[in-house]
Amino acid sequence: MADALDVARQEIARYQRLTDRRLLVAIVVLGALVGGIWPVAQDRGVHPDQGLYAV
């Protein structure tokens, strides 16, 4: 069990070194944007082919 925890700690430390604060801010902003748009898309029922062949 201790070996698995050591590996997990090493992987977390490696991930923290690879990520940049700007990347984390961008992910948070993108998540907030998607979270804000989601209710509108659900309410209006957005369909890619809607109104494509209006004859």
PDB file of N, CA and C in Angstrom:
ATOM      1  N   MET A   1       0.824  -1.190   0.000  1.00  0.00           N
ATOM      2  CA  MET A   1       0.000   0.000   0.000  1.00  0.00           C
ATOM      3  C   MET A   1       0.868   1.253   0.000  1.00  0.00           C
ATOM      4  N   ALA A   2       1.985   1.219   0.711  1.00  0.00           N
ATOM      5  CA  ALA A   2       2.868   2.378   0.791  1.00  0.00           C
ATOM      6  C   ALA A   2       3.488   2.669  -0.570  1.00  0.00           C
ATOM      7  N   ASP A   3       3.764   1.629  -1.345  1.00  0.00           N
ATOM      8  CA  ASP A   3       4.339   1.828  -2.673  1.00  0.00           C
ATOM      9  C   ASP A   3       3.359   2.567  -3.580  1.00  0.00           C
ATOM     10  N   ALA A   4       2.099   2.216  -3.504  1.00  0.00           N
ATOM     11  CA  ALA A   4       1.097   2.875  -4.333  1.00  0.00           C
ATOM     12  C   ALA A   4       0.967   4.344  -3.953  1.00  0.00           C
ATOM     13  N   LEU A   5       1.045   4.641  -2.646  1.00  0.00           N
ATOM     14  CA  LEU A   5       0.965   6.033  -2.208  1.00  0.00           C
ATOM     15  C   LEU A   5       2.189   6.825  -2.665  1.00  0.00           C
ATOM     16  N   ASP A   6       3.352   6.192  -2.653  1.00  0.00           N
ATOM     17  CA  ASP A   6       4.566   6.860  -3.130  1.00  0.00           C
ATOM     18  C   ASP A   6       4.459   7.175  -4.617  1.00  0.00           C
ATOM     19  N   VAL A   7       3.957   6.238  -5.385  1.00  0.00           N
ATOM     20  CA  VAL A   7       3.776   6.458  -6.820  1.00  0.00           C
ATOM     21  C   VAL A   7       2.769   7.580  -7.056  1.00  0.00           C
ATOM     22  N   ALA A   8       1.683   7.583  -6.296  1.00  0.00           N
ATOM     23  CA  ALA A   8       0.678   8.632  -6.444  1.00  0.00           C
ATOM     24  C   ALA A   8       1.271   9.998  -6.120  1.00  0.00           C
ATOM     25  N   ARG A   9       2.053  10.078  -5.070  1.00  0.00           N
ATOM     26  CA  ARG A   9       2.690  11.358  -4.711  1.00  0.00           C
ATOM     27  C   ARG A   9       3.636  11.818  -5.810  1.00  0.00           C
ATOM     28  N   GLN A  10       4.399  10.909  -6.371  1.00  0.00           N
ATOM     29  CA  GLN A  10       5.335  11.255  -7.437  1.00  0.00           C
ATOM     30  C   GLN A  10       4.586  11.745  -8.683  1.00  0.00           C
ATOM     31  N   GLU A  11       3.489  11.098  -9.010  1.00  0.00           N
ATOM     32  CA  GLU A  11       2.709  11.504 -10.177  1.00  0.00           C
ATOM     33  C   GLU A  11       2.076  12.878  -9.964  1.00  0.00           C
ATOM     34  N   ILE A  12       1.584  13.138  -8.770  1.00  0.00           N
ATOM     35  CA  ILE A  12       1.005  14.447  -8.479  1.00  0.00           C
ATOM     36  C   ILE A  12       2.078  15.524  -8.553  1.00  0.00           C
ATOM     37  N   ALA A  13       3.252  15.254  -8.008  1.00  0.00           N
ATOM     38  CA  ALA A  13       4.344  16.218  -8.072  1.00  0.00           C
ATOM     39  C   ALA A  13       4.764  16.468  -9.520  1.00  0.00           C
ATOM     40  N   ARG A  14       4.800  15.432 -10.322  1.00  0.00           N
ATOM     41  CA  ARG A  14       5.174  15.584 -11.738  1.00  0.00           C
ATOM     42  C   ARG A  14       4.129  16.417 -12.475  1.00  0.00           C
ATOM     43  N   TYR A  15       2.859  16.168 -12.210  1.00  0.00           N
ATOM     44  CA  TYR A  15       1.784  16.924 -12.862  1.00  0.00           C
ATOM     45  C   TYR A  15       1.852  18.387 -12.458  1.00  0.00           C
ATOM     46  N   GLN A  16       2.137  18.658 -11.192  1.00  0.00           N
ATOM     47  CA  GLN A  16       2.217  20.041 -10.735  1.00  0.00           C
ATOM     48  C   GLN A  16       3.375  20.769 -11.394  1.00  0.00           C
ATOM     49  N   ARG A  17       4.451  20.079 -11.662  1.00  0.00           N
ATOM     50  CA  ARG A  17       5.578  20.722 -12.353  1.00  0.00           C
ATOM     51  C   ARG A  17       5.237  21.012 -13.807  1.00  0.00           C
ATOM     52  N   LEU A  18       4.435  20.164 -14.436  1.00  0.00           N
ATOM     53  CA  LEU A  18       4.128  20.325 -15.848  1.00  0.00           C
ATOM     54  C   LEU A  18       3.074  21.394 -16.105  1.00  0.00           C
ATOM     55  N   THR A  19       2.194  21.616 -15.155  1.00  0.00           N
ATOM     56  CA  THR A  19       1.128  22.580 -15.372  1.00  0.00           C
ATOM     57  C   THR A  19       1.599  23.976 -15.028  1.00  0.00           C
ATOM     58  N   ASP A  20       1.011  24.912 -15.700  1.00  0.00           N
ATOM     59  CA  ASP A  20       1.326  26.314 -15.503  1.00  0.00           C
ATOM     60  C   ASP A  20       0.079  26.983 -14.935  1.00  0.00           C
ATOM     61  N   ARG A  21       0.254  28.007 -14.166  1.00  0.00           N
ATOM     62  CA  ARG A  21      -0.910  28.693 -13.591  1.00  0.00           C
ATOM     63  C   ARG A  21      -1.812  29.272 -14.675  1.00  0.00           C
ATOM     64  N   ARG A  22      -1.232  29.700 -15.778  1.00  0.00           N
ATOM     65  CA  ARG A  22      -2.051  30.233 -16.877  1.00  0.00           C
ATOM     66  C   ARG A  22      -2.960  29.158 -17.453  1.00  0.00           C
ATOM     67  N   LEU A  23      -2.461  27.943 -17.527  1.00  0.00           N
ATOM     68  CA  LEU A  23      -3.270  26.835 -18.019  1.00  0.00           C
ATOM     69  C   LEU A  23      -4.431  26.563 -17.075  1.00  0.00           C
ATOM     70  N   LEU A  24      -4.166  26.584 -15.783  1.00  0.00           N
ATOM     71  CA  LEU A  24      -5.224  26.337 -14.816  1.00  0.00           C
ATOM     72  C   LEU A  24      -6.286  27.435 -14.867  1.00  0.00           C
ATOM     73  N   VAL A  25      -5.853  28.691 -15.033  1.00  0.00           N
ATOM     74  CA  VAL A  25      -6.807  29.797 -15.154  1.00  0.00           C
ATOM     75  C   VAL A  25      -7.635  29.632 -16.414  1.00  0.00           C
ATOM     76  N   ALA A  26      -7.007  29.240 -17.517  1.00  0.00           N
ATOM     77  CA  ALA A  26      -7.729  29.038 -18.773  1.00  0.00           C
ATOM     78  C   ALA A  26      -8.764  27.921 -18.639  1.00  0.00           C
ATOM     79  N   ILE A  27      -8.424  26.858 -17.930  1.00  0.00           N
ATOM     80  CA  ILE A  27      -9.362  25.753 -17.735  1.00  0.00           C
ATOM     81  C   ILE A  27     -10.554  26.213 -16.905  1.00  0.00           C
ATOM     82  N   VAL A  28     -10.300  26.997 -15.869  1.00  0.00           N
ATOM     83  CA  VAL A  28     -11.389  27.500 -15.029  1.00  0.00           C
ATOM     84  C   VAL A  28     -12.296  28.432 -15.821  1.00  0.00           C
ATOM     85  N   VAL A  29     -11.706  29.326 -16.622  1.00  0.00           N
ATOM     86  CA  VAL A  29     -12.497  30.252 -17.432  1.00  0.00           C
ATOM     87  C   VAL A  29     -13.319  29.496 -18.461  1.00  0.00           C
ATOM     88  N   LEU A  30     -12.724  28.521 -19.109  1.00  0.00           N
ATOM     89  CA  LEU A  30     -13.448  27.729 -20.090  1.00  0.00           C
ATOM     90  C   LEU A  30     -14.587  26.952 -19.438  1.00  0.00           C
ATOM     91  N   GLY A  31     -14.339  26.411 -18.267  1.00  0.00           N
ATOM     92  CA  GLY A  31     -15.397  25.705 -17.544  1.00  0.00           C
ATOM     93  C   GLY A  31     -16.549  26.627 -17.170  1.00  0.00           C
ATOM     94  N   ALA A  32     -16.219  27.859 -16.752  1.00  0.00           N
ATOM     95  CA  ALA A  32     -17.270  28.825 -16.411  1.00  0.00           C
ATOM     96  C   ALA A  32     -18.054  29.224 -17.655  1.00  0.00           C
ATOM     97  N   LEU A  33     -17.376  29.375 -18.782  1.00  0.00           N
ATOM     98  CA  LEU A  33     -18.046  29.724 -20.030  1.00  0.00           C
ATOM     99  C   LEU A  33     -19.007  28.626 -20.468  1.00  0.00           C
ATOM    100  N   VAL A  34     -18.546  27.396 -20.440  1.00  0.00           N
ATOM    101  CA  VAL A  34     -19.406  26.268 -20.812  1.00  0.00           C
ATOM    102  C   VAL A  34     -20.558  26.140 -19.823  1.00  0.00           C
ATOM    103  N   GLY A  35     -20.264  26.339 -18.541  1.00  0.00           N
ATOM    104  CA  GLY A  35     -21.312  26.274 -17.531  1.00  0.00           C
ATOM    105  C   GLY A  35     -22.357  27.358 -17.698  1.00  0.00           C
ATOM    106  N   GLY A  36     -21.955  28.520 -18.201  1.00  0.00           N
ATOM    107  CA  GLY A  36     -22.897  29.607 -18.436  1.00  0.00           C
ATOM    108  C   GLY A  36     -23.736  29.411 -19.688  1.00  0.00           C
ATOM    109  N   ILE A  37     -23.169  28.787 -20.694  1.00  0.00           N
ATOM    110  CA  ILE A  37     -23.869  28.582 -21.961  1.00  0.00           C
ATOM    111  C   ILE A  37     -24.786  27.356 -21.902  1.00  0.00           C
ATOM    112  N   TRP A  38     -24.438  26.388 -21.077  1.00  0.00           N
ATOM    113  CA  TRP A  38     -25.167  25.117 -21.028  1.00  0.00           C
ATOM    114  C   TRP A  38     -26.668  25.278 -20.800  1.00  0.00           C
ATOM    115  N   PRO A  39     -27.138  26.083 -19.835  1.00  0.00           N
ATOM    116  CA  PRO A  39     -28.587  26.209 -19.633  1.00  0.00           C
ATOM    117  C   PRO A  39     -29.302  26.805 -20.847  1.00  0.00           C
ATOM    118  N   VAL A  40     -28.668  27.733 -21.532  1.00  0.00           N
ATOM    119  CA  VAL A  40     -29.269  28.330 -22.728  1.00  0.00           C
ATOM    120  C   VAL A  40     -29.403  27.279 -23.821  1.00  0.00           C
ATOM    121  N   ALA A  41     -28.376  26.493 -24.013  1.00  0.00           N
ATOM    122  CA  ALA A  41     -28.428  25.440 -25.030  1.00  0.00           C
ATOM    123  C   ALA A  41     -29.483  24.396 -24.682  1.00  0.00           C
ATOM    124  N   GLN A  42     -29.617  24.068 -23.420  1.00  0.00           N
ATOM    125  CA  GLN A  42     -30.628  23.105 -23.005  1.00  0.00           C
ATOM    126  C   GLN A  42     -32.040  23.658 -23.179  1.00  0.00           C
ATOM    127  N   ASP A  43     -32.219  24.939 -22.918  1.00  0.00           N
ATOM    128  CA  ASP A  43     -33.530  25.561 -23.005  1.00  0.00           C
ATOM    129  C   ASP A  43     -33.999  25.698 -24.455  1.00  0.00           C
ATOM    130  N   ARG A  44     -33.105  26.098 -25.326  1.00  0.00           N
ATOM    131  CA  ARG A  44     -33.472  26.334 -26.728  1.00  0.00           C
ATOM    132  C   ARG A  44     -33.420  25.080 -27.577  1.00  0.00           C
ATOM    133  N   GLY A  45     -32.790  24.064 -27.102  1.00  0.00           N
ATOM    134  CA  GLY A  45     -32.712  22.830 -27.884  1.00  0.00           C
ATOM    135  C   GLY A  45     -31.941  23.031 -29.170  1.00  0.00           C
ATOM    136  N   VAL A  46     -30.707  23.419 -29.072  1.00  0.00           N
ATOM    137  CA  VAL A  46     -29.880  23.698 -30.239  1.00  0.00           C
ATOM    138  C   VAL A  46     -29.627  22.413 -31.014  1.00  0.00           C
ATOM    139  N   HIS A  47     -29.921  22.477 -32.321  1.00  0.00           N
ATOM    140  CA  HIS A  47     -29.679  21.327 -33.218  1.00  0.00           C
ATOM    141  C   HIS A  47     -28.871  21.820 -34.407  1.00  0.00           C
ATOM    142  N   PRO A  48     -27.834  21.115 -34.784  1.00  0.00           N
ATOM    143  CA  PRO A  48     -26.991  21.558 -35.897  1.00  0.00           C
ATOM    144  C   PRO A  48     -27.730  21.635 -37.232  1.00  0.00           C
ATOM    145  N   ASP A  49     -28.708  20.766 -37.442  1.00  0.00           N
ATOM    146  CA  ASP A  49     -29.405  20.740 -38.735  1.00  0.00           C
ATOM    147  C   ASP A  49     -30.718  21.514 -38.714  1.00  0.00           C
ATOM    148  N   GLN A  50     -30.994  22.243 -37.663  1.00  0.00           N
ATOM    149  CA  GLN A  50     -32.249  22.972 -37.554  1.00  0.00           C
ATOM    150  C   GLN A  50     -32.271  24.137 -38.544  1.00  0.00           C
ATOM    151  N   GLY A  51     -33.281  24.178 -39.381  1.00  0.00           N
ATOM    152  CA  GLY A  51     -33.423  25.262 -40.358  1.00  0.00           C
ATOM    153  C   GLY A  51     -32.491  25.146 -41.550  1.00  0.00           C
ATOM    154  N   LEU A  52     -31.893  24.001 -41.737  1.00  0.00           N
ATOM    155  CA  LEU A  52     -30.953  23.828 -42.832  1.00  0.00           C
ATOM    156  C   LEU A  52     -31.675  23.755 -44.172  1.00  0.00           C
ATOM    157  N   TYR A  53     -32.790  23.049 -44.222  1.00  0.00           N
ATOM    158  CA  TYR A  53     -33.554  22.898 -45.458  1.00  0.00           C
ATOM    159  C   TYR A  53     -34.954  23.500 -45.273  1.00  0.00           C
ATOM    160  N   ALA A  54     -35.013  24.802 -45.138  1.00  0.00           N
ATOM    161  CA  ALA A  54     -36.298  25.475 -44.949  1.00  0.00           C
ATOM    162  C   ALA A  54     -36.943  25.696 -46.319  1.00  0.00           C
ATOM    163  N   VAL A  55     -37.818  24.772 -46.714  1.00  0.00           N
ATOM    164  CA  VAL A  55     -38.487  24.875 -48.031  1.00  0.00           C
ATOM    165  C   VAL A  55     -39.964  24.954 -47.802  1.00  0.00           C
TER     166      VAL A  55
END
